[in-house]
């Protein structure tokens, strides 16, 4: 006179369980295996490994009752979320500079060179050496940002700016006299 079947060991998704029943007249028991329950799958994918900027992640469909998964799928790496380029070293007229940008997700930085700025020339000549009465000077066009020049040109000497002749020694009937004049720019004198 068998009673109802009672669970002894629960079946899980992949392993059999067991159950027993007992005779109410003599107490004898009978056992039997029960079939594995099988997986009960979630409706949606679960992310197993989050992708990073440079590394792929993964996702799969999970069983609701155990660690089994199916349909494992690669999630492509996100790629960096780069910020704006920021100057590290300013480029000069002739030397390269550098700039960097930073990923807002992982903090990685990337650097690159920037081209030399090139010369920016003044519109007019600048006198580099003033000419004197007897010595030539020079002028050139200057870069606005560095000491480089172009179109160096000689400025001729000015020549003296002589004043009036002034008597130094009067001439008489038989002797010569002398006179001098002075340059108003440099103070040099000339006599005759």
N, C-alpha and C. Protein backbone atom coordinates (compact mmCIF):
# COMPACT_ATOMS: atom_id res chain seq x y z
N UNK A 1 0.87 -1.18 0.00
CA UNK A 1 0.00 0.00 0.00
C UNK A 1 0.91 1.23 0.00
N UNK A 2 1.36 1.58 -1.23
CA UNK A 2 2.36 2.66 -1.35
C UNK A 2 1.76 4.03 -1.08
N UNK A 3 2.58 4.85 -0.36
CA UNK A 3 2.19 6.24 -0.13
C UNK A 3 2.66 7.11 -1.31
N UNK A 4 2.57 8.42 -1.16
CA UNK A 4 3.00 9.35 -2.22
C UNK A 4 4.51 9.36 -2.31
N UNK A 5 4.99 9.69 -3.51
CA UNK A 5 6.45 9.86 -3.70
C UNK A 5 6.89 11.14 -2.99
N UNK A 6 8.03 11.05 -2.28
CA UNK A 6 8.60 12.18 -1.56
C UNK A 6 10.03 12.42 -2.05
N UNK A 7 10.37 13.66 -2.21
CA UNK A 7 11.71 14.00 -2.71
C UNK A 7 12.75 13.68 -1.66
N UNK A 8 13.80 12.99 -2.09
CA UNK A 8 14.97 12.72 -1.23
C UNK A 8 16.09 13.69 -1.63
N UNK A 9 16.37 13.75 -2.91
CA UNK A 9 17.40 14.67 -3.44
C UNK A 9 16.79 15.42 -4.61
N UNK A 10 16.89 16.75 -4.56
CA UNK A 10 16.33 17.54 -5.66
C UNK A 10 17.19 17.37 -6.91
N UNK A 11 16.52 17.22 -8.04
CA UNK A 11 17.23 17.26 -9.32
C UNK A 11 17.60 18.72 -9.60
N UNK A 12 18.77 18.93 -10.22
CA UNK A 12 19.08 20.30 -10.66
C UNK A 12 19.07 20.33 -12.19
N UNK A 13 19.65 21.37 -12.75
CA UNK A 13 19.54 21.53 -14.21
C UNK A 13 20.13 20.36 -14.97
N UNK A 14 21.23 19.79 -14.46
CA UNK A 14 21.93 18.74 -15.22
C UNK A 14 22.05 17.42 -14.48
N UNK A 15 21.75 17.38 -13.18
CA UNK A 15 21.90 16.14 -12.39
C UNK A 15 20.54 15.59 -11.98
N UNK A 16 20.47 14.24 -12.00
CA UNK A 16 19.24 13.57 -11.58
C UNK A 16 19.02 13.76 -10.09
N UNK A 17 17.77 13.68 -9.68
CA UNK A 17 17.42 13.68 -8.26
C UNK A 17 16.91 12.29 -7.87
N UNK A 18 16.33 12.20 -6.65
CA UNK A 18 15.75 10.91 -6.22
C UNK A 18 14.52 11.19 -5.36
N UNK A 19 13.65 10.18 -5.35
CA UNK A 19 12.48 10.25 -4.49
C UNK A 19 12.15 8.84 -3.98
N UNK A 20 11.37 8.80 -2.91
CA UNK A 20 11.03 7.50 -2.33
C UNK A 20 9.54 7.49 -1.95
N UNK A 21 9.02 6.23 -1.76
CA UNK A 21 7.67 6.06 -1.23
C UNK A 21 7.72 4.88 -0.24
N UNK A 22 6.78 4.92 0.66
CA UNK A 22 6.79 3.93 1.74
C UNK A 22 5.44 3.20 1.76
N UNK A 23 5.52 1.91 2.03
CA UNK A 23 4.29 1.11 2.16
C UNK A 23 3.72 1.35 3.56
N UNK A 24 2.45 1.71 3.63
CA UNK A 24 1.83 2.03 4.92
C UNK A 24 1.53 0.78 5.75
N UNK A 25 1.57 -0.38 5.11
CA UNK A 25 1.25 -1.61 5.83
C UNK A 25 2.49 -2.22 6.47
N UNK A 26 3.64 -2.24 5.69
CA UNK A 26 4.82 -2.94 6.23
C UNK A 26 6.02 -2.03 6.43
N UNK A 27 5.98 -0.81 5.94
CA UNK A 27 7.07 0.14 6.12
C UNK A 27 8.19 0.02 5.10
N UNK A 28 8.07 -0.89 4.15
CA UNK A 28 9.10 -1.02 3.11
C UNK A 28 9.14 0.27 2.29
N UNK A 29 10.37 0.62 1.83
CA UNK A 29 10.52 1.82 0.99
C UNK A 29 11.01 1.43 -0.38
N UNK A 30 10.68 2.27 -1.29
CA UNK A 30 11.10 2.10 -2.69
C UNK A 30 11.64 3.45 -3.15
N UNK A 31 12.78 3.46 -3.84
CA UNK A 31 13.37 4.73 -4.34
C UNK A 31 13.45 4.67 -5.86
N UNK A 32 13.51 5.84 -6.44
CA UNK A 32 13.71 5.95 -7.89
C UNK A 32 14.39 7.27 -8.21
N UNK A 33 15.07 7.34 -9.37
CA UNK A 33 15.70 8.58 -9.82
C UNK A 33 14.67 9.46 -10.50
N UNK A 34 14.92 10.76 -10.42
CA UNK A 34 14.10 11.71 -11.17
C UNK A 34 14.98 12.38 -12.22
N UNK A 35 14.40 12.76 -13.33
CA UNK A 35 15.16 13.34 -14.46
C UNK A 35 15.72 14.72 -14.09
N UNK A 36 16.87 15.11 -14.69
CA UNK A 36 17.35 16.49 -14.49
C UNK A 36 16.28 17.50 -14.90
N UNK A 37 16.28 18.61 -14.21
CA UNK A 37 15.24 19.61 -14.47
C UNK A 37 15.44 20.33 -15.80
N UNK A 38 16.69 20.40 -16.27
CA UNK A 38 16.97 21.16 -17.49
C UNK A 38 17.11 22.65 -17.17
N UNK A 39 17.79 23.35 -18.04
CA UNK A 39 18.03 24.78 -17.81
C UNK A 39 16.78 25.60 -18.11
N UNK A 40 16.61 26.63 -17.33
CA UNK A 40 15.56 27.62 -17.62
C UNK A 40 16.28 28.92 -17.92
N UNK A 41 16.23 29.34 -19.17
CA UNK A 41 17.07 30.45 -19.64
C UNK A 41 16.43 31.81 -19.40
N UNK A 42 17.29 32.78 -19.07
CA UNK A 42 16.86 34.18 -18.98
C UNK A 42 16.38 34.64 -20.36
N UNK A 43 15.57 35.70 -20.36
CA UNK A 43 15.04 36.20 -21.65
C UNK A 43 16.05 37.04 -22.41
N UNK A 44 16.98 37.69 -21.68
CA UNK A 44 17.92 38.63 -22.31
C UNK A 44 19.36 38.25 -22.01
N UNK A 45 20.26 38.81 -22.80
CA UNK A 45 21.70 38.64 -22.55
C UNK A 45 22.11 39.35 -21.26
N UNK A 46 23.12 38.81 -20.60
CA UNK A 46 23.76 39.44 -19.45
C UNK A 46 25.22 39.72 -19.83
N UNK A 47 25.70 40.92 -19.51
CA UNK A 47 27.10 41.25 -19.78
C UNK A 47 27.96 40.52 -18.76
N UNK A 48 28.85 39.66 -19.25
CA UNK A 48 29.75 38.91 -18.36
C UNK A 48 31.04 39.68 -18.11
N UNK A 49 31.56 40.32 -19.15
CA UNK A 49 32.78 41.13 -19.04
C UNK A 49 32.54 42.43 -19.77
N UNK A 50 32.65 43.53 -19.04
CA UNK A 50 32.46 44.85 -19.67
C UNK A 50 33.61 45.12 -20.63
N UNK A 51 33.31 45.62 -21.82
CA UNK A 51 34.40 46.01 -22.71
C UNK A 51 35.08 47.27 -22.17
N UNK A 52 36.37 47.40 -22.45
CA UNK A 52 37.08 48.63 -22.09
C UNK A 52 37.40 49.38 -23.37
N UNK A 53 38.20 50.41 -23.24
CA UNK A 53 38.56 51.18 -24.43
C UNK A 53 39.31 50.34 -25.46
N UNK A 54 40.14 49.40 -24.96
CA UNK A 54 41.01 48.65 -25.86
C UNK A 54 40.76 47.15 -25.85
N UNK A 55 39.93 46.67 -24.92
CA UNK A 55 39.71 45.23 -24.79
C UNK A 55 38.24 44.90 -25.00
N UNK A 56 37.99 43.83 -25.77
CA UNK A 56 36.61 43.39 -26.01
C UNK A 56 36.04 42.79 -24.73
N UNK A 57 34.72 42.83 -24.62
CA UNK A 57 34.01 42.20 -23.51
C UNK A 57 33.21 41.02 -24.04
N UNK A 58 32.30 40.50 -23.20
CA UNK A 58 31.46 39.39 -23.65
C UNK A 58 30.10 39.45 -22.95
N UNK A 59 29.13 38.81 -23.59
CA UNK A 59 27.79 38.68 -23.01
C UNK A 59 27.25 37.30 -23.36
N UNK A 60 26.30 36.81 -22.56
CA UNK A 60 25.71 35.51 -22.82
C UNK A 60 24.33 35.45 -22.17
N UNK A 61 23.58 34.41 -22.53
CA UNK A 61 22.28 34.15 -21.91
C UNK A 61 22.53 33.17 -20.76
N UNK A 62 22.06 33.52 -19.56
CA UNK A 62 22.32 32.73 -18.36
C UNK A 62 21.11 31.88 -17.99
N UNK A 63 21.40 30.73 -17.38
CA UNK A 63 20.35 29.91 -16.78
C UNK A 63 19.90 30.60 -15.49
N UNK A 64 18.62 30.56 -15.22
CA UNK A 64 18.07 31.20 -14.02
C UNK A 64 18.47 30.47 -12.73
N UNK A 65 18.94 29.20 -12.85
CA UNK A 65 19.15 28.38 -11.64
C UNK A 65 20.59 27.94 -11.42
N UNK A 66 21.42 28.05 -12.44
CA UNK A 66 22.82 27.63 -12.28
C UNK A 66 23.72 28.57 -13.08
N UNK A 67 24.98 28.23 -13.14
CA UNK A 67 25.96 29.10 -13.79
C UNK A 67 26.10 28.83 -15.29
N UNK A 68 25.28 27.99 -15.84
CA UNK A 68 25.39 27.67 -17.27
C UNK A 68 25.03 28.89 -18.12
N UNK A 69 25.71 28.99 -19.24
CA UNK A 69 25.43 30.08 -20.19
C UNK A 69 25.34 29.52 -21.60
N UNK A 70 24.75 30.29 -22.50
CA UNK A 70 24.73 29.93 -23.91
C UNK A 70 24.77 31.21 -24.75
N UNK A 71 25.04 31.05 -26.01
CA UNK A 71 25.09 32.17 -26.96
C UNK A 71 26.12 33.24 -26.55
N UNK A 72 27.27 32.80 -26.04
CA UNK A 72 28.31 33.76 -25.65
C UNK A 72 28.72 34.58 -26.87
N UNK A 73 28.72 35.89 -26.71
CA UNK A 73 28.95 36.82 -27.84
C UNK A 73 29.99 37.85 -27.43
N UNK A 74 30.87 38.18 -28.37
CA UNK A 74 31.89 39.20 -28.12
C UNK A 74 31.26 40.59 -28.21
N UNK A 75 31.61 41.44 -27.24
CA UNK A 75 31.23 42.86 -27.30
C UNK A 75 32.48 43.62 -27.72
N UNK A 76 32.47 44.30 -28.86
CA UNK A 76 33.69 44.98 -29.32
C UNK A 76 34.18 46.02 -28.31
N UNK A 77 35.50 46.23 -28.29
CA UNK A 77 36.09 47.28 -27.45
C UNK A 77 35.43 48.62 -27.80
N UNK A 78 35.29 49.47 -26.80
CA UNK A 78 34.60 50.75 -26.98
C UNK A 78 35.38 51.75 -27.80
N UNK A 79 36.71 51.65 -27.76
CA UNK A 79 37.53 52.72 -28.33
C UNK A 79 37.62 53.85 -27.32
N UNK A 80 38.67 54.64 -27.44
CA UNK A 80 38.88 55.73 -26.48
C UNK A 80 37.89 56.88 -26.69
N UNK A 81 37.55 57.55 -25.61
CA UNK A 81 36.72 58.76 -25.66
C UNK A 81 37.68 59.94 -25.46
N UNK A 82 38.33 60.33 -26.56
CA UNK A 82 39.40 61.33 -26.47
C UNK A 82 38.84 62.72 -26.19
N UNK A 83 39.56 63.46 -25.33
CA UNK A 83 39.26 64.87 -25.09
C UNK A 83 39.94 65.72 -26.16
N UNK A 84 39.91 67.02 -25.94
CA UNK A 84 40.53 67.95 -26.88
C UNK A 84 42.05 67.88 -26.78
N UNK A 85 42.73 68.20 -27.87
CA UNK A 85 44.19 68.29 -27.86
C UNK A 85 44.59 69.50 -27.02
N UNK A 86 45.61 69.32 -26.15
CA UNK A 86 46.13 70.40 -25.31
C UNK A 86 47.63 70.54 -25.59
N UNK A 87 48.08 71.78 -25.64
CA UNK A 87 49.48 72.03 -25.94
C UNK A 87 50.36 71.61 -24.76
N UNK A 88 51.41 70.85 -25.06
CA UNK A 88 52.42 70.48 -24.07
C UNK A 88 53.63 71.39 -24.26
N UNK A 89 54.11 71.48 -25.50
CA UNK A 89 55.25 72.32 -25.83
C UNK A 89 54.86 73.16 -27.04
N UNK A 90 55.01 74.48 -26.92
CA UNK A 90 54.69 75.35 -28.05
C UNK A 90 55.69 75.15 -29.17
N UNK A 91 55.19 75.12 -30.39
CA UNK A 91 56.08 75.11 -31.55
C UNK A 91 56.69 76.51 -31.69
N UNK A 92 57.95 76.56 -32.10
CA UNK A 92 58.57 77.85 -32.39
C UNK A 92 58.56 78.03 -33.91
N UNK A 93 59.22 79.06 -34.36
CA UNK A 93 59.25 79.31 -35.79
C UNK A 93 59.85 78.14 -36.56
N UNK A 94 60.88 77.51 -35.97
CA UNK A 94 61.61 76.46 -36.69
C UNK A 94 61.56 75.10 -36.02
N UNK A 95 61.12 75.02 -34.76
CA UNK A 95 61.10 73.75 -34.04
C UNK A 95 59.67 73.27 -33.84
N UNK A 96 59.50 71.95 -33.92
CA UNK A 96 58.19 71.36 -33.69
C UNK A 96 57.77 71.52 -32.23
N UNK A 97 56.47 71.49 -31.99
CA UNK A 97 55.94 71.47 -30.64
C UNK A 97 55.30 70.11 -30.39
N UNK A 98 54.54 70.00 -29.29
CA UNK A 98 53.83 68.77 -29.01
C UNK A 98 52.52 69.09 -28.31
N UNK A 99 51.58 68.17 -28.46
CA UNK A 99 50.30 68.30 -27.78
C UNK A 99 49.83 66.91 -27.38
N UNK A 100 48.89 66.86 -26.42
CA UNK A 100 48.39 65.57 -25.94
C UNK A 100 46.88 65.66 -25.78
N UNK A 101 46.27 64.47 -25.75
CA UNK A 101 44.85 64.37 -25.40
C UNK A 101 44.69 63.17 -24.49
N UNK A 102 43.62 63.19 -23.68
CA UNK A 102 43.42 62.17 -22.66
C UNK A 102 42.05 61.53 -22.84
N UNK A 103 42.01 60.21 -22.67
CA UNK A 103 40.74 59.49 -22.73
C UNK A 103 39.98 59.70 -21.43
N UNK A 104 38.74 60.14 -21.53
CA UNK A 104 37.94 60.41 -20.33
C UNK A 104 37.48 59.13 -19.64
N UNK A 105 37.59 58.00 -20.33
CA UNK A 105 37.15 56.73 -19.75
C UNK A 105 38.26 56.03 -18.97
N UNK A 106 39.46 55.94 -19.56
CA UNK A 106 40.52 55.15 -18.92
C UNK A 106 41.73 55.97 -18.52
N UNK A 107 41.79 57.25 -18.93
CA UNK A 107 42.91 58.11 -18.54
C UNK A 107 44.14 57.97 -19.41
N UNK A 108 44.11 57.10 -20.41
CA UNK A 108 45.27 56.96 -21.30
C UNK A 108 45.50 58.27 -22.05
N UNK A 109 46.76 58.59 -22.30
CA UNK A 109 47.08 59.81 -23.05
C UNK A 109 47.74 59.44 -24.37
N UNK A 110 47.58 60.35 -25.32
CA UNK A 110 48.18 60.19 -26.64
C UNK A 110 48.86 61.51 -26.96
N UNK A 111 50.07 61.45 -27.48
CA UNK A 111 50.78 62.68 -27.82
C UNK A 111 51.10 62.69 -29.30
N UNK A 112 51.28 63.88 -29.84
CA UNK A 112 51.69 64.01 -31.23
C UNK A 112 52.49 65.30 -31.37
N UNK A 113 53.31 65.34 -32.42
CA UNK A 113 54.09 66.54 -32.71
C UNK A 113 53.22 67.53 -33.49
N UNK A 114 53.53 68.80 -33.32
CA UNK A 114 52.89 69.82 -34.13
C UNK A 114 53.96 70.46 -35.01
N UNK A 115 53.55 70.92 -36.16
CA UNK A 115 54.50 71.49 -37.12
C UNK A 115 55.08 72.81 -36.61
N UNK A 116 56.31 73.13 -37.03
CA UNK A 116 56.86 74.45 -36.69
C UNK A 116 55.91 75.54 -37.19
N UNK A 117 55.85 76.64 -36.45
CA UNK A 117 54.91 77.71 -36.78
C UNK A 117 55.33 78.48 -38.03
N UNK A 118 56.64 78.50 -38.32
CA UNK A 118 57.13 79.30 -39.45
C UNK A 118 57.28 80.75 -39.02
N UNK A 119 58.09 81.48 -39.75
CA UNK A 119 58.34 82.87 -39.41
C UNK A 119 57.16 83.76 -39.81
N UNK A 120 56.90 84.74 -38.98
CA UNK A 120 55.92 85.78 -39.32
C UNK A 120 56.71 87.08 -39.41
N UNK A 121 56.77 87.62 -40.62
CA UNK A 121 57.68 88.73 -40.88
C UNK A 121 57.04 90.09 -40.61
N UNK A 122 57.84 91.02 -40.10
CA UNK A 122 57.42 92.41 -39.95
C UNK A 122 57.14 92.98 -41.34
N UNK A 123 56.34 94.04 -41.39
CA UNK A 123 55.99 94.64 -42.69
C UNK A 123 57.10 95.52 -43.22
N UNK A 124 57.92 96.11 -42.34
CA UNK A 124 58.94 97.08 -42.76
C UNK A 124 60.32 96.66 -42.28
N UNK A 125 61.32 97.28 -42.89
CA UNK A 125 62.71 97.07 -42.47
C UNK A 125 62.92 97.67 -41.08
N UNK A 126 63.82 97.06 -40.33
CA UNK A 126 64.29 97.59 -39.05
C UNK A 126 65.77 97.90 -39.20
N UNK A 127 66.19 99.09 -38.71
CA UNK A 127 67.60 99.44 -38.77
C UNK A 127 68.33 98.65 -37.69
N UNK A 128 69.27 97.80 -38.11
CA UNK A 128 70.04 96.99 -37.18
C UNK A 128 71.28 97.74 -36.70
N UNK A 129 71.93 98.47 -37.60
CA UNK A 129 73.10 99.28 -37.25
C UNK A 129 72.93 100.64 -37.90
N UNK A 130 72.90 101.68 -37.07
CA UNK A 130 72.77 103.03 -37.63
C UNK A 130 74.05 103.39 -38.39
N UNK A 131 73.91 103.97 -39.58
CA UNK A 131 75.11 104.44 -40.27
C UNK A 131 75.64 105.68 -39.55
N UNK A 132 76.94 105.86 -39.62
CA UNK A 132 77.53 107.09 -39.09
C UNK A 132 77.98 107.92 -40.27
N UNK A 133 78.70 108.97 -39.95
CA UNK A 133 79.17 109.84 -41.04
C UNK A 133 80.11 109.09 -41.98
N UNK A 134 80.91 108.16 -41.42
CA UNK A 134 81.94 107.50 -42.23
C UNK A 134 81.75 105.99 -42.35
N UNK A 135 80.83 105.43 -41.59
CA UNK A 135 80.66 103.97 -41.59
C UNK A 135 79.25 103.63 -42.06
N UNK A 136 79.16 102.62 -42.93
CA UNK A 136 77.85 102.16 -43.41
C UNK A 136 77.11 101.46 -42.27
N UNK A 137 75.79 101.46 -42.34
CA UNK A 137 74.94 100.72 -41.39
C UNK A 137 74.26 99.57 -42.11
N UNK A 138 73.23 98.99 -41.45
CA UNK A 138 72.49 97.89 -42.09
C UNK A 138 71.06 97.89 -41.59
N UNK A 139 70.20 97.30 -42.41
CA UNK A 139 68.80 97.14 -42.05
C UNK A 139 68.33 95.80 -42.59
N UNK A 140 67.29 95.25 -41.98
CA UNK A 140 66.73 93.98 -42.43
C UNK A 140 65.28 93.88 -41.98
N UNK A 141 64.58 92.88 -42.53
CA UNK A 141 63.21 92.59 -42.10
C UNK A 141 63.30 91.50 -41.03
N UNK A 142 62.66 91.74 -39.87
CA UNK A 142 62.74 90.83 -38.72
C UNK A 142 61.50 89.95 -38.60
N UNK A 143 61.72 88.73 -38.08
CA UNK A 143 60.60 87.88 -37.69
C UNK A 143 59.99 88.48 -36.42
N UNK A 144 58.65 88.44 -36.33
CA UNK A 144 57.96 89.00 -35.17
C UNK A 144 58.18 88.18 -33.89
N UNK A 145 58.66 86.92 -34.03
CA UNK A 145 58.71 86.03 -32.88
C UNK A 145 60.10 85.53 -32.51
N UNK A 146 61.06 85.71 -33.38
CA UNK A 146 62.41 85.24 -33.06
C UNK A 146 63.43 86.21 -33.64
N UNK A 147 64.70 85.86 -33.53
CA UNK A 147 65.76 86.78 -33.94
C UNK A 147 66.17 86.64 -35.41
N UNK A 148 65.46 85.85 -36.17
CA UNK A 148 65.83 85.64 -37.57
C UNK A 148 65.46 86.87 -38.40
N UNK A 149 66.33 87.19 -39.37
CA UNK A 149 66.10 88.34 -40.26
C UNK A 149 66.24 87.90 -41.70
N UNK A 150 65.73 88.72 -42.61
CA UNK A 150 65.92 88.49 -44.04
C UNK A 150 66.08 89.83 -44.75
N UNK A 151 66.53 89.76 -45.98
CA UNK A 151 66.72 90.95 -46.82
C UNK A 151 67.68 91.96 -46.18
N UNK A 152 68.78 91.47 -45.58
CA UNK A 152 69.77 92.38 -44.99
C UNK A 152 70.30 93.32 -46.07
N UNK A 153 70.28 94.61 -45.78
CA UNK A 153 70.63 95.63 -46.77
C UNK A 153 71.59 96.65 -46.14
N UNK A 154 72.61 97.06 -46.94
CA UNK A 154 73.56 98.07 -46.45
C UNK A 154 72.93 99.45 -46.53
N UNK A 155 73.13 100.22 -45.47
CA UNK A 155 72.72 101.64 -45.48
C UNK A 155 74.01 102.44 -45.65
N UNK A 156 74.14 103.18 -46.73
CA UNK A 156 75.40 103.91 -46.96
C UNK A 156 75.70 104.87 -45.81
N UNK A 157 77.01 105.12 -45.62
CA UNK A 157 77.43 106.12 -44.63
C UNK A 157 76.78 107.45 -44.98
N UNK A 158 76.48 108.24 -43.95
CA UNK A 158 75.76 109.50 -44.17
C UNK A 158 76.63 110.58 -44.80
N UNK A 159 77.92 110.50 -44.55
CA UNK A 159 78.79 111.62 -44.92
C UNK A 159 78.66 112.70 -43.86
N UNK A 160 79.64 113.55 -43.76
CA UNK A 160 79.63 114.60 -42.73
C UNK A 160 78.61 115.69 -43.05
N UNK A 161 78.08 116.26 -41.98
CA UNK A 161 77.22 117.44 -42.10
C UNK A 161 78.07 118.62 -41.62
N UNK A 162 78.79 119.22 -42.60
CA UNK A 162 79.76 120.25 -42.23
C UNK A 162 79.09 121.57 -41.89
N UNK A 163 79.66 122.23 -40.89
CA UNK A 163 79.23 123.59 -40.58
C UNK A 163 79.98 124.60 -41.46
N UNK A 164 79.83 125.88 -41.14
CA UNK A 164 80.52 126.92 -41.91
C UNK A 164 82.01 126.92 -41.59
N UNK A 165 82.80 127.39 -42.56
CA UNK A 165 84.25 127.55 -42.31
C UNK A 165 84.44 128.69 -41.32
N UNK A 166 85.33 128.44 -40.36
CA UNK A 166 85.65 129.48 -39.37
C UNK A 166 87.16 129.73 -39.41
N UNK A 167 87.53 130.99 -39.29
CA UNK A 167 88.95 131.34 -39.34
C UNK A 167 89.66 130.85 -38.09
N UNK A 168 90.79 130.21 -38.30
CA UNK A 168 91.64 129.79 -37.18
C UNK A 168 92.83 130.76 -37.10
N UNK A 169 93.47 130.97 -38.25
CA UNK A 169 94.60 131.91 -38.32
C UNK A 169 94.36 132.84 -39.50
N UNK A 170 94.43 134.19 -39.24
CA UNK A 170 94.23 135.12 -40.33
C UNK A 170 95.43 135.09 -41.28
N UNK A 171 95.14 135.19 -42.54
CA UNK A 171 96.23 135.35 -43.53
C UNK A 171 96.69 136.80 -43.50
N UNK A 172 97.98 137.01 -43.75
CA UNK A 172 98.46 138.40 -43.89
C UNK A 172 98.99 138.55 -45.31
N UNK A 173 99.75 139.60 -45.51
CA UNK A 173 100.17 139.90 -46.89
C UNK A 173 100.99 138.78 -47.50
N UNK A 174 101.77 138.09 -46.71
CA UNK A 174 102.67 137.09 -47.28
C UNK A 174 102.45 135.67 -46.74
N UNK A 175 101.71 135.55 -45.64
CA UNK A 175 101.53 134.22 -45.02
C UNK A 175 100.08 133.74 -45.18
N UNK A 176 100.02 132.45 -45.44
CA UNK A 176 98.69 131.85 -45.55
C UNK A 176 98.02 131.82 -44.18
N UNK A 177 96.72 131.81 -44.19
CA UNK A 177 95.97 131.61 -42.95
C UNK A 177 95.37 130.21 -42.95
N UNK A 178 94.54 129.93 -41.97
CA UNK A 178 93.86 128.61 -41.93
C UNK A 178 92.44 128.79 -41.38
N UNK A 179 91.61 127.87 -41.78
CA UNK A 179 90.23 127.86 -41.27
C UNK A 179 89.79 126.40 -41.08
N UNK A 180 88.74 126.22 -40.31
CA UNK A 180 88.25 124.86 -40.05
C UNK A 180 86.73 124.84 -40.10
N UNK A 181 86.24 123.67 -40.26
CA UNK A 181 84.79 123.46 -40.15
C UNK A 181 84.56 122.17 -39.36
N UNK A 182 83.39 122.06 -38.74
CA UNK A 182 83.09 120.93 -37.84
C UNK A 182 81.82 120.22 -38.29
N UNK A 183 81.84 118.90 -38.22
CA UNK A 183 80.63 118.10 -38.55
C UNK A 183 79.68 118.20 -37.37
N UNK A 184 78.44 118.57 -37.65
CA UNK A 184 77.46 118.72 -36.56
C UNK A 184 76.96 117.36 -36.05
N UNK A 185 77.26 116.29 -36.79
CA UNK A 185 76.81 114.96 -36.37
C UNK A 185 77.83 114.26 -35.48
N UNK A 186 79.10 114.26 -35.89
CA UNK A 186 80.10 113.49 -35.15
C UNK A 186 81.17 114.34 -34.50
N UNK A 187 81.22 115.63 -34.81
CA UNK A 187 82.20 116.51 -34.19
C UNK A 187 83.57 116.48 -34.86
N UNK A 188 83.73 115.72 -35.91
CA UNK A 188 85.01 115.71 -36.61
C UNK A 188 85.27 117.09 -37.23
N UNK A 189 86.54 117.49 -37.26
CA UNK A 189 86.89 118.79 -37.86
C UNK A 189 87.74 118.60 -39.09
N UNK A 190 87.67 119.56 -39.95
CA UNK A 190 88.47 119.57 -41.18
C UNK A 190 89.10 120.95 -41.28
N UNK A 191 90.35 120.98 -41.60
CA UNK A 191 91.02 122.30 -41.71
C UNK A 191 91.54 122.47 -43.13
N UNK A 192 91.70 123.79 -43.47
CA UNK A 192 92.32 124.15 -44.76
C UNK A 192 93.02 125.46 -44.61
